[in-house]
């Protein structure tokens, strides 16, 4: 089983675990094949990572890229800032939007 960032998810990949949104609603069950449509659905629900079938190969076990490190830092920082309000569904959605926006803007930041 491999944890894959949603931006790296490819159609045809098989889920190793069910994918749920932050309210616990099942979006797609384990064993399902990923399609372009399901990737769009995951993004719209704020899913950041999923577990897929397979094993890490040597190229994936290499050190994280600078972009991945920045993404992890953004996520940790936001989780710390939102930690007291994550029981509020509105705040969870604001958190998800903030993460999506930061990840979308990351290539712009990296090129500056």
Protein backbone atom coordinates (compact mmCIF):
# COMPACT_ATOMS: atom_id res chain seq x y z
CA UNK A 1 0.00 0.00 0.00
CA UNK A 2 1.27 3.47 -0.95
CA UNK A 3 0.03 6.90 0.15
CA UNK A 4 -0.26 9.07 -2.96
CA UNK A 5 -0.88 12.81 -3.12
CA UNK A 6 -4.00 13.55 -5.14
CA UNK A 7 -1.98 15.56 -7.69
CA UNK A 8 0.12 12.45 -8.41
CA UNK A 9 -2.85 10.10 -8.70
CA UNK A 10 -3.23 8.43 -12.11
CA UNK A 11 -6.33 6.89 -13.75
CA UNK A 12 -6.27 3.10 -13.55
CA UNK A 13 -4.71 3.02 -10.08
CA UNK A 14 -6.55 0.76 -7.60
CA UNK A 15 -7.52 2.03 -4.14
CA UNK A 16 -6.13 0.06 -1.21
CA UNK A 17 -8.42 1.76 1.34
CA UNK A 18 -11.80 3.50 1.12
CA UNK A 19 -11.73 7.25 0.53
CA UNK A 20 -13.95 9.40 2.73
CA UNK A 21 -14.47 13.12 2.99
CA UNK A 22 -13.95 15.02 6.25
CA UNK A 23 -17.54 14.32 7.32
CA UNK A 24 -16.99 10.57 6.91
CA UNK A 25 -19.03 10.21 3.72
CA UNK A 26 -17.74 7.36 1.57
CA UNK A 27 -16.54 8.72 -1.77
CA UNK A 28 -15.06 5.50 -3.21
CA UNK A 29 -14.52 2.06 -1.72
CA UNK A 30 -11.30 0.03 -1.58
CA UNK A 31 -10.59 -1.99 -4.70
CA UNK A 32 -12.11 0.60 -7.03
CA UNK A 33 -10.15 1.82 -10.05
CA UNK A 34 -9.40 5.52 -10.23
CA UNK A 35 -10.72 7.51 -13.19
CA UNK A 36 -10.27 11.14 -14.21
CA UNK A 37 -13.77 11.77 -12.87
CA UNK A 38 -13.00 10.28 -9.45
CA UNK A 39 -9.84 12.41 -9.22
CA UNK A 40 -11.97 15.52 -9.88
CA UNK A 41 -14.45 14.38 -7.22
CA UNK A 42 -11.67 13.83 -4.68
CA UNK A 43 -10.28 17.30 -5.39
CA UNK A 44 -13.71 18.89 -5.04
CA UNK A 45 -14.15 17.21 -1.64
CA UNK A 46 -10.72 18.35 -0.46
CA UNK A 47 -9.10 14.90 -0.43
CA UNK A 48 -5.33 15.40 -0.31
CA UNK A 49 -4.00 11.82 -0.24
CA UNK A 50 -5.28 8.31 -0.87
CA UNK A 51 -3.90 4.82 -0.28
CA UNK A 52 -3.38 2.78 -3.43
CA UNK A 53 -2.29 -0.78 -4.08
CA UNK A 54 1.37 -1.41 -4.80
CA UNK A 55 4.76 -0.98 -3.23
CA UNK A 56 7.30 1.80 -3.22
CA UNK A 57 10.00 1.42 -5.82
CA UNK A 58 13.49 2.87 -5.62
CA UNK A 59 12.63 6.07 -7.48
CA UNK A 60 9.79 6.79 -5.05
CA UNK A 61 11.87 6.13 -1.95
CA UNK A 62 14.33 8.87 -2.84
CA UNK A 63 14.35 12.01 -0.71
CA UNK A 64 11.35 14.25 -1.08
CA UNK A 65 11.47 16.93 -3.70
CA UNK A 66 11.60 20.52 -2.50
CA UNK A 67 7.99 20.97 -3.65
CA UNK A 68 6.85 17.99 -1.55
CA UNK A 69 8.70 19.37 1.47
CA UNK A 70 7.03 22.76 1.05
CA UNK A 71 3.63 21.07 0.66
CA UNK A 72 4.20 19.15 3.90
CA UNK A 73 5.23 22.35 5.66
CA UNK A 74 2.14 24.22 4.42
CA UNK A 75 -0.11 21.38 5.56
CA UNK A 76 1.50 21.12 9.02
CA UNK A 77 1.30 24.89 9.52
CA UNK A 78 -2.37 25.01 8.55
CA UNK A 79 -3.21 21.98 10.68
CA UNK A 80 -1.66 23.73 13.68
CA UNK A 81 -3.60 26.93 12.99
CA UNK A 82 -6.91 25.11 12.53
CA UNK A 83 -6.43 22.49 15.27
CA UNK A 84 -8.91 24.12 17.67
CA UNK A 85 -11.74 24.46 15.15
CA UNK A 86 -11.67 21.23 13.14
CA UNK A 87 -14.91 20.07 14.77
CA UNK A 88 -16.76 22.81 12.86
CA UNK A 89 -17.68 21.65 9.32
CA UNK A 90 -17.42 25.19 7.95
CA UNK A 91 -13.88 25.55 9.31
CA UNK A 92 -12.95 22.14 7.87
CA UNK A 93 -14.08 23.34 4.46
CA UNK A 94 -12.12 26.61 4.86
CA UNK A 95 -9.07 24.50 5.82
CA UNK A 96 -9.51 22.35 2.69
CA UNK A 97 -9.89 25.40 0.44
CA UNK A 98 -6.78 26.98 1.97
CA UNK A 99 -4.72 23.84 1.33
CA UNK A 100 -5.98 23.52 -2.24
CA UNK A 101 -5.18 27.18 -2.93
CA UNK A 102 -1.70 26.92 -1.44
CA UNK A 103 -0.96 23.80 -3.48
CA UNK A 104 -2.30 25.46 -6.64
CA UNK A 105 -0.12 28.54 -6.05
CA UNK A 106 3.00 26.52 -5.19
CA UNK A 107 4.38 26.36 -8.78
CA UNK A 108 4.02 30.17 -9.01
CA UNK A 109 5.88 30.62 -5.71
CA UNK A 110 8.63 28.19 -6.80
CA UNK A 111 9.25 30.10 -10.06
CA UNK A 112 9.69 33.46 -8.31
